[in-house]
Amino acid sequence: MKKFDVYAVGNALVDFEVEVSEQQLEQLKIEKGIMTLIDAERHHVLMGHLEGTRHNRACGGSAANSIIALSQLGGKSFYSCRVADDEAGDFFLNDLQSHGVEINQNSHRPESVTGKCIVMVTPDADRTMNTYLGVTGELGRDVLDKEAIKNSKYLYIEGYLSSAPLALEAACEAKKVAEENQVKVAFTLSDPSMVRFFREGIDTLIGKGVDMLFCNEDEALEYTGQVTLEQAIPLLKQIAKTFVITLGEKGSMICDGEKEIVISAEKVDAIDTNGAGDMFAGAFLYMLCQGHDFELAGQLANFASAKVVQKFGPRLNAEEAIPVQKFAGELTH
């Protein structure tokens, strides 16, 4: 019996979410709809321009959001990351633990700056991210808890780790430990910009393949170099035993290793798509870890994602998660 459903390794970022217009993005010379890495100076410049428009602060990072979603549904999880010995680091770790996520208790916290991400949401609900990695850029092998990896059903790795050499080494080491101990490996491409600018790191992480791949339509096409999903799917099958392609308002397409399944989306009015893919992955992995099939996993994941896009912020709070918990129960009984 495994102690954890999912062990994840990823960036520790405190999200600052603001509402902006497309004109503001143009004025600030920010490319819309993708994640861009920035330095400390650029971070301070942007925060200065956006002062007074801050909407929300939350413990973030792609894998962290997914792990918290899984935990809200009742899953058991462990998260390895790097935060600094500062207020933002305290905030991040406390937020994880308040959701029942186990963490590295003795992980070194240097006197530095915890990573931050400015998430800009435009009226069309699209999210544009500018990320200052801070100390999470120094995430290394020392943050890994190999016994916890061995004692998990899945290892979950975010593609964002491909952008930093030390983090890439840590992710590859975690994958090696998982594979040597029959722990399934799930991987998310994370963002089209990661595929575009850090393709070599992405390929290194994937190695000879993964058990489960998460991506959206743009990422799937960017990674395979194709123009349609029909062309991309056979190429994804070469690197992943199973995979999910999220399609926004069109739902999701799932390959369970034998057949392809299309799950229709919930019809909602989206106001913020930040965190939708993270929620999808967390809910999907939760269902698989409980022994349910891919179709039920997709139904819950679509439902959960639809709840997230109807609010600001990358996650649901305890009260907002209740309908998702109830729907999970209805699907499985």
C-alpha atoms as a PDB file:
ATOM      1  CA  MET A   1       0.000   0.000   0.000  1.00  0.00           C
ATOM      2  CA  LYS A   2       1.484   3.330  -1.101  1.00  0.00           C
ATOM      3  CA  LYS A   3       1.459   6.198   1.390  1.00  0.00           C
ATOM      4  CA  PHE A   4       0.972   8.911  -1.241  1.00  0.00           C
ATOM      5  CA  ASP A   5      -1.183   9.127  -4.329  1.00  0.00           C
ATOM      6  CA  VAL A   6       1.058  11.699  -5.996  1.00  0.00           C
ATOM      7  CA  TYR A   7       4.516  13.070  -5.304  1.00  0.00           C
ATOM      8  CA  ALA A   8       5.168  16.279  -7.225  1.00  0.00           C
ATOM      9  CA  VAL A   9       8.209  18.426  -7.815  1.00  0.00           C
ATOM     10  CA  GLY A  10       7.800  21.926  -9.139  1.00  0.00           C
ATOM     11  CA  ASN A  11       8.370  25.635  -8.780  1.00  0.00           C
ATOM     12  CA  ALA A  12       7.252  27.466  -5.673  1.00  0.00           C
ATOM     13  CA  LEU A  13       5.725  30.744  -6.815  1.00  0.00           C
ATOM     14  CA  VAL A  14       3.541  33.213  -4.994  1.00  0.00           C
ATOM     15  CA  ASP A  15       0.972  34.387  -7.559  1.00  0.00           C
ATOM     16  CA  PHE A  16      -0.105  38.029  -7.761  1.00  0.00           C
ATOM     17  CA  GLU A  17      -3.167  38.155  -9.971  1.00  0.00           C
ATOM     18  CA  VAL A  18      -4.366  41.400 -11.535  1.00  0.00           C
ATOM     19  CA  GLU A  19      -7.001  42.386 -14.063  1.00  0.00           C
ATOM     20  CA  VAL A  20      -5.608  44.257 -17.068  1.00  0.00           C
ATOM     21  CA  SER A  21      -6.680  45.382 -20.523  1.00  0.00           C
ATOM     22  CA  GLU A  22      -5.044  44.243 -23.744  1.00  0.00           C
ATOM     23  CA  GLN A  23      -3.927  47.852 -24.197  1.00  0.00           C
ATOM     24  CA  GLN A  24      -1.998  47.657 -20.905  1.00  0.00           C
ATOM     25  CA  LEU A  25      -0.221  44.518 -22.088  1.00  0.00           C
ATOM     26  CA  GLU A  26       0.762  46.320 -25.293  1.00  0.00           C
ATOM     27  CA  GLN A  27       1.992  49.350 -23.371  1.00  0.00           C
ATOM     28  CA  LEU A  28       4.100  47.140 -21.110  1.00  0.00           C
ATOM     29  CA  LYS A  29       5.399  45.175 -24.141  1.00  0.00           C
ATOM     30  CA  ILE A  30       4.075  41.873 -22.785  1.00  0.00           C
ATOM     31  CA  GLU A  31       3.196  39.010 -25.129  1.00  0.00           C
ATOM     32  CA  LYS A  32      -0.362  37.935 -24.413  1.00  0.00           C
ATOM     33  CA  GLY A  33      -1.384  34.433 -23.368  1.00  0.00           C
ATOM     34  CA  ILE A  34       1.965  32.865 -22.510  1.00  0.00           C
ATOM     35  CA  MET A  35       4.421  32.620 -19.623  1.00  0.00           C
ATOM     36  CA  THR A  36       7.550  34.799 -19.835  1.00  0.00           C
ATOM     37  CA  LEU A  37      10.518  34.536 -17.478  1.00  0.00           C
ATOM     38  CA  ILE A  38      11.678  37.896 -16.135  1.00  0.00           C
ATOM     39  CA  ASP A  39      14.439  39.148 -13.840  1.00  0.00           C
ATOM     40  CA  ALA A  40      14.084  40.929 -10.508  1.00  0.00           C
ATOM     41  CA  GLU A  41      14.341  44.406 -12.067  1.00  0.00           C
ATOM     42  CA  ARG A  42      11.575  43.717 -14.584  1.00  0.00           C
ATOM     43  CA  HIS A  43       9.428  42.209 -11.814  1.00  0.00           C
ATOM     44  CA  HIS A  44       9.704  45.406  -9.756  1.00  0.00           C
ATOM     45  CA  VAL A  45       8.969  47.566 -12.808  1.00  0.00           C
ATOM     46  CA  LEU A  46       5.803  45.621 -13.592  1.00  0.00           C
ATOM     47  CA  MET A  47       4.624  45.612  -9.978  1.00  0.00           C
ATOM     48  CA  GLY A  48       5.105  49.373  -9.942  1.00  0.00           C
ATOM     49  CA  HIS A  49       2.962  49.825 -13.063  1.00  0.00           C
ATOM     50  CA  LEU A  50       0.285  47.511 -11.710  1.00  0.00           C
ATOM     51  CA  GLU A  51       0.207  48.951  -8.202  1.00  0.00           C
ATOM     52  CA  GLY A  52      -3.340  49.416  -6.964  1.00  0.00           C
ATOM     53  CA  THR A  53      -4.769  46.789  -9.312  1.00  0.00           C
ATOM     54  CA  ARG A  54      -3.689  43.718  -7.324  1.00  0.00           C
ATOM     55  CA  HIS A  55      -6.604  41.335  -7.061  1.00  0.00           C
ATOM     56  CA  ASN A  56      -5.394  38.223  -5.324  1.00  0.00           C
ATOM     57  CA  ARG A  57      -2.348  36.549  -3.774  1.00  0.00           C
ATOM     58  CA  ALA A  58      -2.063  32.780  -3.633  1.00  0.00           C
ATOM     59  CA  CYS A  59       0.437  29.982  -3.309  1.00  0.00           C
ATOM     60  CA  GLY A  60       1.017  29.019  -6.938  1.00  0.00           C
ATOM     61  CA  GLY A  61       3.159  27.180  -9.409  1.00  0.00           C
ATOM     62  CA  SER A  62       1.642  24.660 -11.808  1.00  0.00           C
ATOM     63  CA  ALA A  63       2.372  21.442  -9.927  1.00  0.00           C
ATOM     64  CA  ALA A  64       1.513  23.027  -6.569  1.00  0.00           C
ATOM     65  CA  ASN A  65      -1.933  23.979  -7.866  1.00  0.00           C
ATOM     66  CA  SER A  66      -2.494  20.417  -9.111  1.00  0.00           C
ATOM     67  CA  ILE A  67      -1.349  18.863  -5.843  1.00  0.00           C
ATOM     68  CA  ILE A  68      -3.652  21.108  -3.824  1.00  0.00           C
ATOM     69  CA  ALA A  69      -6.574  20.199  -6.103  1.00  0.00           C
ATOM     70  CA  LEU A  70      -5.869  16.498  -5.549  1.00  0.00           C
ATOM     71  CA  SER A  71      -5.662  17.046  -1.798  1.00  0.00           C
ATOM     72  CA  GLN A  72      -8.971  18.940  -1.720  1.00  0.00           C
ATOM     73  CA  LEU A  73     -10.613  15.878  -3.227  1.00  0.00           C
ATOM     74  CA  GLY A  74      -9.182  13.633  -0.526  1.00  0.00           C
ATOM     75  CA  GLY A  75      -5.955  12.483  -2.159  1.00  0.00           C
ATOM     76  CA  LYS A  76      -2.662  12.091  -0.315  1.00  0.00           C
ATOM     77  CA  SER A  77       0.178  14.167  -1.697  1.00  0.00           C
ATOM     78  CA  PHE A  78       3.782  15.267  -1.187  1.00  0.00           C
ATOM     79  CA  TYR A  79       5.419  18.340  -2.712  1.00  0.00           C
ATOM     80  CA  SER A  80       9.097  19.161  -3.131  1.00  0.00           C
ATOM     81  CA  CYS A  81      10.082  22.730  -3.915  1.00  0.00           C
ATOM     82  CA  ARG A  82      12.476  25.536  -2.933  1.00  0.00           C
ATOM     83  CA  VAL A  83      11.429  28.680  -1.069  1.00  0.00           C
ATOM     84  CA  ALA A  84      13.525  31.355   0.606  1.00  0.00           C
ATOM     85  CA  ASP A  85      13.631  32.250   4.281  1.00  0.00           C
ATOM     86  CA  ASP A  86      11.245  35.166   3.803  1.00  0.00           C
ATOM     87  CA  GLU A  87       7.600  36.076   4.377  1.00  0.00           C
ATOM     88  CA  ALA A  88       6.548  34.838   0.932  1.00  0.00           C
ATOM     89  CA  GLY A  89       8.233  31.499   1.631  1.00  0.00           C
ATOM     90  CA  ASP A  90       6.358  31.165   4.923  1.00  0.00           C
ATOM     91  CA  PHE A  91       3.124  32.037   3.143  1.00  0.00           C
ATOM     92  CA  PHE A  92       3.740  29.400   0.461  1.00  0.00           C
ATOM     93  CA  LEU A  93       4.573  26.537   2.821  1.00  0.00           C
ATOM     94  CA  ASN A  94       1.754  27.373   5.224  1.00  0.00           C
ATOM     95  CA  ASP A  95      -0.715  27.409   2.333  1.00  0.00           C
ATOM     96  CA  LEU A  96       0.439  23.962   1.176  1.00  0.00           C
ATOM     97  CA  GLN A  97       0.223  22.467   4.656  1.00  0.00           C
ATOM     98  CA  SER A  98      -3.183  24.009   5.300  1.00  0.00           C
ATOM     99  CA  HIS A  99      -4.442  21.892   2.386  1.00  0.00           C
ATOM    100  CA  GLY A 100      -2.956  18.704   3.805  1.00  0.00           C
ATOM    101  CA  VAL A 101       0.040  18.538   1.472  1.00  0.00           C
ATOM    102  CA  GLU A 102       3.157  17.018   3.024  1.00  0.00           C
ATOM    103  CA  ILE A 103       6.429  18.855   2.343  1.00  0.00           C
ATOM    104  CA  ASN A 104      10.160  18.514   2.918  1.00  0.00           C
ATOM    105  CA  GLN A 105      10.450  19.532   6.563  1.00  0.00           C
ATOM    106  CA  ASN A 106      14.236  19.950   6.529  1.00  0.00           C
ATOM    107  CA  SER A 107      14.725  21.503   3.107  1.00  0.00           C
ATOM    108  CA  HIS A 108      17.263  24.348   3.149  1.00  0.00           C
ATOM    109  CA  ARG A 109      15.708  27.829   2.946  1.00  0.00           C
ATOM    110  CA  PRO A 110      18.411  30.324   1.948  1.00  0.00           C
ATOM    111  CA  GLU A 111      18.355  34.048   2.639  1.00  0.00           C
ATOM    112  CA  SER A 112      17.043  34.974  -0.770  1.00  0.00           C
ATOM    113  CA  VAL A 113      13.730  35.795  -2.464  1.00  0.00           C
ATOM    114  CA  THR A 114      10.874  33.343  -2.970  1.00  0.00           C
ATOM    115  CA  GLY A 115       9.688  33.124  -6.573  1.00  0.00           C
ATOM    116  CA  LYS A 116       6.768  35.222  -7.728  1.00  0.00           C
ATOM    117  CA  CYS A 117       4.457  35.227 -10.726  1.00  0.00           C
ATOM    118  CA  ILE A 118       2.438  38.196 -11.959  1.00  0.00           C
ATOM    119  CA  VAL A 119      -0.700  36.750 -13.538  1.00  0.00           C
ATOM    120  CA  MET A 120      -2.484  39.263 -15.762  1.00  0.00           C
ATOM    121  CA  VAL A 121      -6.059  38.437 -16.712  1.00  0.00           C
ATOM    122  CA  THR A 122      -7.654  40.178 -19.687  1.00  0.00           C
ATOM    123  CA  PRO A 123     -11.416  40.620 -20.232  1.00  0.00           C
ATOM    124  CA  ASP A 124     -11.488  37.541 -22.514  1.00  0.00           C
ATOM    125  CA  ALA A 125     -10.454  35.431 -19.453  1.00  0.00           C
ATOM    126  CA  ASP A 126      -7.024  34.692 -20.952  1.00  0.00           C
ATOM    127  CA  ARG A 127      -4.062  34.662 -18.569  1.00  0.00           C
ATOM    128  CA  THR A 128      -0.631  36.078 -19.254  1.00  0.00           C
ATOM    129  CA  MET A 129       2.161  35.301 -16.808  1.00  0.00           C
ATOM    130  CA  ASN A 130       5.435  37.040 -16.064  1.00  0.00           C
ATOM    131  CA  THR A 131       7.512  34.912 -13.708  1.00  0.00           C
ATOM    132  CA  TYR A 132      10.463  35.854 -11.539  1.00  0.00           C
ATOM    133  CA  LEU A 133      11.860  32.521 -10.385  1.00  0.00           C
ATOM    134  CA  GLY A 134      13.886  33.867  -7.448  1.00  0.00           C
ATOM    135  CA  VAL A 135      15.210  31.035  -5.306  1.00  0.00           C
ATOM    136  CA  THR A 136      13.084  28.398  -7.048  1.00  0.00           C
ATOM    137  CA  GLY A 137      15.557  28.745  -9.912  1.00  0.00           C
ATOM    138  CA  GLU A 138      18.021  27.057  -7.545  1.00  0.00           C
ATOM    139  CA  LEU A 139      15.767  24.050  -6.960  1.00  0.00           C
ATOM    140  CA  GLY A 140      18.127  21.081  -6.960  1.00  0.00           C
ATOM    141  CA  ARG A 141      18.354  17.389  -6.195  1.00  0.00           C
ATOM    142  CA  ASP A 142      18.687  18.092  -2.469  1.00  0.00           C
ATOM    143  CA  VAL A 143      14.969  18.958  -2.228  1.00  0.00           C
ATOM    144  CA  LEU A 144      13.947  15.460  -3.298  1.00  0.00           C
ATOM    145  CA  ASP A 145      12.628  12.955  -0.792  1.00  0.00           C
ATOM    146  CA  LYS A 146      13.411   9.693  -2.546  1.00  0.00           C
ATOM    147  CA  GLU A 147      11.598   7.548   0.007  1.00  0.00           C
ATOM    148  CA  ALA A 148       8.433   9.577  -0.548  1.00  0.00           C
ATOM    149  CA  ILE A 149       8.796   9.142  -4.321  1.00  0.00           C
ATOM    150  CA  LYS A 150       9.139   5.367  -3.904  1.00  0.00           C
ATOM    151  CA  ASN A 151       6.065   5.396  -1.675  1.00  0.00           C
ATOM    152  CA  SER A 152       3.813   7.123  -4.242  1.00  0.00           C
ATOM    153  CA  LYS A 153       1.544   5.874  -7.007  1.00  0.00           C
ATOM    154  CA  TYR A 154       2.514   8.703  -9.353  1.00  0.00           C
ATOM    155  CA  LEU A 155       5.347  11.175  -9.740  1.00  0.00           C
ATOM    156  CA  TYR A 156       4.117  14.437 -11.283  1.00  0.00           C
ATOM    157  CA  ILE A 157       6.585  16.816 -12.955  1.00  0.00           C
ATOM    158  CA  GLU A 158       5.862  20.237 -14.421  1.00  0.00           C
ATOM    159  CA  GLY A 159       7.460  21.290 -17.697  1.00  0.00           C
ATOM    160  CA  TYR A 160       8.431  24.661 -16.241  1.00  0.00           C
ATOM    161  CA  LEU A 161      11.389  22.924 -14.582  1.00  0.00           C
ATOM    162  CA  SER A 162      13.003  22.624 -18.008  1.00  0.00           C
ATOM    163  CA  SER A 163      13.973  26.307 -17.874  1.00  0.00           C
ATOM    164  CA  ALA A 164      16.555  25.999 -15.054  1.00  0.00           C
ATOM    165  CA  PRO A 165      19.548  23.590 -15.240  1.00  0.00           C
ATOM    166  CA  LEU A 166      19.502  22.589 -11.551  1.00  0.00           C
ATOM    167  CA  ALA A 167      15.734  22.066 -11.578  1.00  0.00           C
ATOM    168  CA  LEU A 168      16.009  19.999 -14.743  1.00  0.00           C
ATOM    169  CA  GLU A 169      18.606  17.772 -13.047  1.00  0.00           C
ATOM    170  CA  ALA A 170      16.334  17.375 -10.007  1.00  0.00           C
ATOM    171  CA  ALA A 171      13.330  16.466 -12.156  1.00  0.00           C
ATOM    172  CA  CYS A 172      15.348  13.907 -14.113  1.00  0.00           C
ATOM    173  CA  GLU A 173      16.651  12.377 -10.880  1.00  0.00           C
ATOM    174  CA  ALA A 174      13.106  12.141  -9.492  1.00  0.00           C
ATOM    175  CA  LYS A 175      11.982  10.449 -12.714  1.00  0.00           C
ATOM    176  CA  LYS A 176      14.854   7.971 -12.503  1.00  0.00           C
ATOM    177  CA  VAL A 177      13.928   7.038  -8.915  1.00  0.00           C
ATOM    178  CA  ALA A 178      10.285   6.620  -9.918  1.00  0.00           C
ATOM    179  CA  GLU A 179      11.068   4.410 -12.902  1.00  0.00           C
ATOM    180  CA  GLU A 180      13.398   2.208 -10.842  1.00  0.00           C
ATOM    181  CA  ASN A 181      10.621   1.664  -8.285  1.00  0.00           C
ATOM    182  CA  GLN A 182       7.626   1.095 -10.595  1.00  0.00           C
ATOM    183  CA  VAL A 183       6.129   4.500  -9.789  1.00  0.00           C
ATOM    184  CA  LYS A 184       4.202   5.901 -12.759  1.00  0.00           C
ATOM    185  CA  VAL A 185       5.465   9.192 -14.195  1.00  0.00           C
ATOM    186  CA  ALA A 186       3.062  11.965 -15.203  1.00  0.00           C
ATOM    187  CA  PHE A 187       4.384  15.043 -16.983  1.00  0.00           C
ATOM    188  CA  THR A 188       2.811  18.307 -18.113  1.00  0.00           C
ATOM    189  CA  LEU A 189       4.166  20.451 -20.940  1.00  0.00           C
ATOM    190  CA  SER A 190       2.961  23.447 -18.886  1.00  0.00           C
ATOM    191  CA  ASP A 191       3.028  26.228 -21.493  1.00  0.00           C
ATOM    192  CA  PRO A 192       3.668  26.725 -25.224  1.00  0.00           C
ATOM    193  CA  SER A 193       6.604  28.997 -24.378  1.00  0.00           C
ATOM    194  CA  MET A 194       8.314  26.167 -22.512  1.00  0.00           C
ATOM    195  CA  VAL A 195       8.087  23.957 -25.584  1.00  0.00           C
ATOM    196  CA  ARG A 196       9.212  26.783 -27.863  1.00  0.00           C
ATOM    197  CA  PHE A 197      12.197  28.040 -25.886  1.00  0.00           C
ATOM    198  CA  PHE A 198      13.241  25.062 -23.747  1.00  0.00           C
ATOM    199  CA  ARG A 199      12.601  22.155 -26.100  1.00  0.00           C
ATOM    200  CA  GLU A 200      15.915  20.472 -25.316  1.00  0.00           C
ATOM    201  CA  GLY A 201      15.082  20.431 -21.596  1.00  0.00           C
ATOM    202  CA  ILE A 202      11.566  19.128 -22.278  1.00  0.00           C
ATOM    203  CA  ASP A 203      12.983  16.283 -24.366  1.00  0.00           C
ATOM    204  CA  THR A 204      15.529  15.494 -21.663  1.00  0.00           C
ATOM    205  CA  LEU A 205      12.751  15.260 -19.087  1.00  0.00           C
ATOM    206  CA  ILE A 206      10.590  13.040 -21.264  1.00  0.00           C
ATOM    207  CA  GLY A 207      13.557  10.800 -22.033  1.00  0.00           C
ATOM    208  CA  LYS A 208      12.372   7.449 -23.355  1.00  0.00           C
ATOM    209  CA  GLY A 209       8.786   8.361 -22.516  1.00  0.00           C
ATOM    210  CA  VAL A 210       6.291   8.910 -19.713  1.00  0.00           C
ATOM    211  CA  ASP A 211       3.252   7.039 -18.465  1.00  0.00           C
ATOM    212  CA  MET A 212       0.949  10.072 -18.568  1.00  0.00           C
ATOM    213  CA  LEU A 213       1.219  13.350 -20.469  1.00  0.00           C
ATOM    214  CA  PHE A 214      -0.903  16.454 -19.907  1.00  0.00           C
ATOM    215  CA  CYS A 215      -1.014  19.280 -22.443  1.00  0.00           C
ATOM    216  CA  ASN A 216      -3.419  21.699 -24.070  1.00  0.00           C
ATOM    217  CA  GLU A 217      -4.054  21.978 -27.796  1.00  0.00           C
ATOM    218  CA  ASP A 218      -1.493  24.742 -28.383  1.00  0.00           C
ATOM    219  CA  GLU A 219       1.199  22.801 -26.515  1.00  0.00           C
ATOM    220  CA  ALA A 220       0.431  19.585 -28.385  1.00  0.00           C
ATOM    221  CA  LEU A 221       0.748  21.310 -31.750  1.00  0.00           C
ATOM    222  CA  GLU A 222       3.857  23.249 -30.716  1.00  0.00           C
ATOM    223  CA  TYR A 223       5.582  20.116 -29.433  1.00  0.00           C
ATOM    224  CA  THR A 224       4.796  17.936 -32.446  1.00  0.00           C
ATOM    225  CA  GLY A 225       5.190  20.684 -35.038  1.00  0.00           C
ATOM    226  CA  GLN A 226       1.815  19.778 -36.559  1.00  0.00           C
ATOM    227  CA  VAL A 227      -1.160  21.922 -37.527  1.00  0.00           C
ATOM    228  CA  THR A 228      -3.994  19.599 -36.463  1.00  0.00           C
ATOM    229  CA  LEU A 229      -4.581  17.304 -33.508  1.00  0.00           C
ATOM    230  CA  GLU A 230      -5.199  14.422 -35.900  1.00  0.00           C
ATOM    231  CA  GLN A 231      -1.595  14.821 -37.033  1.00  0.00           C
ATOM    232  CA  ALA A 232      -0.251  15.413 -33.516  1.00  0.00           C
ATOM    233  CA  ILE A 233      -1.836  12.435 -31.753  1.00  0.00           C
ATOM    234  CA  PRO A 234       0.267   9.673 -33.385  1.00  0.00           C
ATOM    235  CA  LEU A 235       3.430  11.580 -32.431  1.00  0.00           C
ATOM    236  CA  LEU A 236       2.285  12.009 -28.812  1.00  0.00           C
ATOM    237  CA  LYS A 237       1.696   8.260 -28.651  1.00  0.00           C
ATOM    238  CA  GLN A 238       5.418   7.808 -29.300  1.00  0.00           C
ATOM    239  CA  ILE A 239       6.373   9.585 -26.065  1.00  0.00           C
ATOM    240  CA  ALA A 240       3.460   8.822 -23.720  1.00  0.00           C
ATOM    241  CA  LYS A 241       1.624   5.598 -22.918  1.00  0.00           C
ATOM    242  CA  THR A 242      -1.469   7.685 -22.101  1.00  0.00           C
ATOM    243  CA  PHE A 243      -2.238  11.374 -22.479  1.00  0.00           C
ATOM    244  CA  VAL A 244      -4.825  14.112 -22.194  1.00  0.00           C
ATOM    245  CA  ILE A 245      -5.191  17.140 -24.443  1.00  0.00           C
ATOM    246  CA  THR A 246      -7.364  19.856 -22.905  1.00  0.00           C
ATOM    247  CA  LEU A 247      -9.388  21.817 -25.463  1.00  0.00           C
ATOM    248  CA  GLY A 248     -10.818  24.727 -23.471  1.00  0.00           C
ATOM    249  CA  GLU A 249     -14.499  25.245 -24.169  1.00  0.00           C
ATOM    250  CA  LYS A 250     -14.446  22.144 -26.405  1.00  0.00           C
ATOM    251  CA  GLY A 251     -13.624  19.849 -23.469  1.00  0.00           C
ATOM    252  CA  SER A 252     -10.800  17.343 -23.592  1.00  0.00           C
ATOM    253  CA  MET A 253      -9.447  14.458 -25.668  1.00  0.00           C
ATOM    254  CA  ILE A 254      -8.078  11.478 -23.753  1.00  0.00           C
ATOM    255  CA  CYS A 255      -5.982   8.552 -24.956  1.00  0.00           C
ATOM    256  CA  ASP A 256      -6.068   5.740 -22.377  1.00  0.00           C
ATOM    257  CA  GLY A 257      -3.554   3.574 -24.219  1.00  0.00           C
ATOM    258  CA  GLU A 258      -6.186   1.711 -26.204  1.00  0.00           C
ATOM    259  CA  LYS A 259      -8.806   4.170 -27.383  1.00  0.00           C
ATOM    260  CA  GLU A 260      -9.446   7.884 -27.693  1.00  0.00           C
ATOM    261  CA  ILE A 261     -12.207   9.446 -25.609  1.00  0.00           C
ATOM    262  CA  VAL A 262     -13.708  12.904 -26.095  1.00  0.00           C
ATOM    263  CA  ILE A 263     -15.224  14.526 -23.014  1.00  0.00           C
ATOM    264  CA  SER A 264     -17.502  17.514 -23.601  1.00  0.00           C
ATOM    265  CA  ALA A 265     -16.873  20.689 -21.625  1.00  0.00           C
ATOM    266  CA  GLU A 266     -19.224  22.145 -19.052  1.00  0.00           C
ATOM    267  CA  LYS A 267     -20.976  25.216 -20.481  1.00  0.00           C
ATOM    268  CA  VAL A 268     -19.889  28.164 -18.340  1.00  0.00           C
ATOM    269  CA  ASP A 269     -18.971  31.823 -18.641  1.00  0.00           C
ATOM    270  CA  ALA A 270     -15.221  31.914 -18.040  1.00  0.00           C
ATOM    271  CA  ILE A 271     -13.720  34.974 -16.378  1.00  0.00           C
ATOM    272  CA  ASP A 272     -10.213  33.669 -15.634  1.00  0.00           C
ATOM    273  CA  THR A 273      -8.534  30.605 -17.170  1.00  0.00           C
ATOM    274  CA  ASN A 274      -5.527  30.744 -14.835  1.00  0.00           C
ATOM    275  CA  GLY A 275      -5.120  27.355 -13.140  1.00  0.00           C
ATOM    276  CA  ALA A 276      -7.667  25.501 -15.279  1.00  0.00           C
ATOM    277  CA  GLY A 277      -5.116  23.042 -16.634  1.00  0.00           C
ATOM    278  CA  ASP A 278      -3.588  22.575 -13.190  1.00  0.00           C
ATOM    279  CA  MET A 279      -6.986  21.786 -11.694  1.00  0.00           C
ATOM    280  CA  PHE A 280      -7.677  19.371 -14.542  1.00  0.00           C
ATOM    281  CA  ALA A 281      -4.470  17.439 -13.897  1.00  0.00           C
ATOM    282  CA  GLY A 282      -5.036  17.294 -10.136  1.00  0.00           C
ATOM    283  CA  ALA A 283      -8.612  16.023 -10.444  1.00  0.00           C
ATOM    284  CA  PHE A 284      -7.672  13.578 -13.197  1.00  0.00           C
ATOM    285  CA  LEU A 285      -4.812  12.051 -11.215  1.00  0.00           C
ATOM    286  CA  TYR A 286      -7.014  11.844  -8.127  1.00  0.00           C
ATOM    287  CA  MET A 287      -9.514   9.657  -9.986  1.00  0.00           C
ATOM    288  CA  LEU A 288      -6.837   7.419 -11.479  1.00  0.00           C
ATOM    289  CA  CYS A 289      -5.258   6.938  -8.045  1.00  0.00           C
ATOM    290  CA  GLN A 290      -8.634   5.827  -6.680  1.00  0.00           C
ATOM    291  CA  GLY A 291      -8.765   3.117  -9.329  1.00  0.00           C
ATOM    292  CA  HIS A 292     -11.289   4.743 -11.682  1.00  0.00           C
ATOM    293  CA  ASP A 293     -11.075   4.716 -15.468  1.00  0.00           C
ATOM    294  CA  PHE A 294      -9.947   7.506 -17.758  1.00  0.00           C
ATOM    295  CA  GLU A 295     -13.460   8.484 -18.834  1.00  0.00           C
ATOM    296  CA  LEU A 296     -14.633   9.108 -15.261  1.00  0.00           C
ATOM    297  CA  ALA A 297     -11.367  10.910 -14.571  1.00  0.00           C
ATOM    298  CA  GLY A 298     -11.988  13.160 -17.561  1.00  0.00           C
ATOM    299  CA  GLN A 299     -15.547  13.922 -16.499  1.00  0.00           C
ATOM    300  CA  LEU A 300     -14.459  15.016 -13.037  1.00  0.00           C
ATOM    301  CA  ALA A 301     -11.482  16.973 -14.378  1.00  0.00           C
ATOM    302  CA  ASN A 302     -13.660  18.869 -16.874  1.00  0.00           C
ATOM    303  CA  PHE A 303     -16.189  19.656 -14.132  1.00  0.00           C
ATOM    304  CA  ALA A 304     -13.497  20.860 -11.738  1.00  0.00           C
ATOM    305  CA  SER A 305     -11.818  23.021 -14.396  1.00  0.00           C
ATOM    306  CA  ALA A 306     -15.161  24.615 -15.244  1.00  0.00           C
ATOM    307  CA  LYS A 307     -15.513  25.675 -11.603  1.00  0.00           C
ATOM    308  CA  VAL A 308     -12.058  27.288 -11.569  1.00  0.00           C
ATOM    309  CA  VAL A 309     -12.552  29.409 -14.697  1.00  0.00           C
ATOM    310  CA  GLN A 310     -15.689  30.973 -13.238  1.00  0.00           C
ATOM    311  CA  LYS A 311     -13.672  32.757 -10.529  1.00  0.00           C
ATOM    312  CA  PHE A 312     -10.487  34.748 -10.147  1.00  0.00           C
ATOM    313  CA  GLY A 313      -7.456  32.835  -8.948  1.00  0.00           C
ATOM    314  CA  PRO A 314      -5.839  29.500  -9.865  1.00  0.00           C
ATOM    315  CA  ARG A 315      -7.630  27.344  -7.298  1.00  0.00           C
ATOM    316  CA  LEU A 316     -10.853  26.720  -5.438  1.00  0.00           C
ATOM    317  CA  ASN A 317     -11.192  27.480  -1.756  1.00  0.00           C
ATOM    318  CA  ALA A 318     -12.652  24.918   0.641  1.00  0.00           C
ATOM    319  CA  GLU A 319     -16.251  26.023   0.092  1.00  0.00           C
ATOM    320  CA  GLU A 320     -15.887  26.242  -3.690  1.00  0.00           C
ATOM    321  CA  ALA A 321     -14.408  22.725  -3.774  1.00  0.00           C
ATOM    322  CA  ILE A 322     -17.494  21.142  -2.178  1.00  0.00           C
ATOM    323  CA  PRO A 323     -19.474  20.796  -5.461  1.00  0.00           C
ATOM    324  CA  VAL A 324     -16.452  19.085  -7.053  1.00  0.00           C
ATOM    325  CA  GLN A 325     -16.197  16.682  -4.129  1.00  0.00           C
ATOM    326  CA  LYS A 326     -19.918  15.916  -4.422  1.00  0.00           C
ATOM    327  CA  PHE A 327     -19.666  15.354  -8.165  1.00  0.00           C
ATOM    328  CA  ALA A 328     -16.766  12.955  -7.611  1.00  0.00           C
ATOM    329  CA  GLY A 329     -18.969  10.995  -5.257  1.00  0.00           C
ATOM    330  CA  GLU A 330     -21.835  10.910  -7.735  1.00  0.00           C
ATOM    331  CA  LEU A 331     -19.547   9.637 -10.507  1.00  0.00           C
ATOM    332  CA  THR A 332     -18.171   6.789  -8.419  1.00  0.00           C
ATOM    333  CA  HIS A 333     -21.330   5.476  -6.743  1.00  0.00           C
END
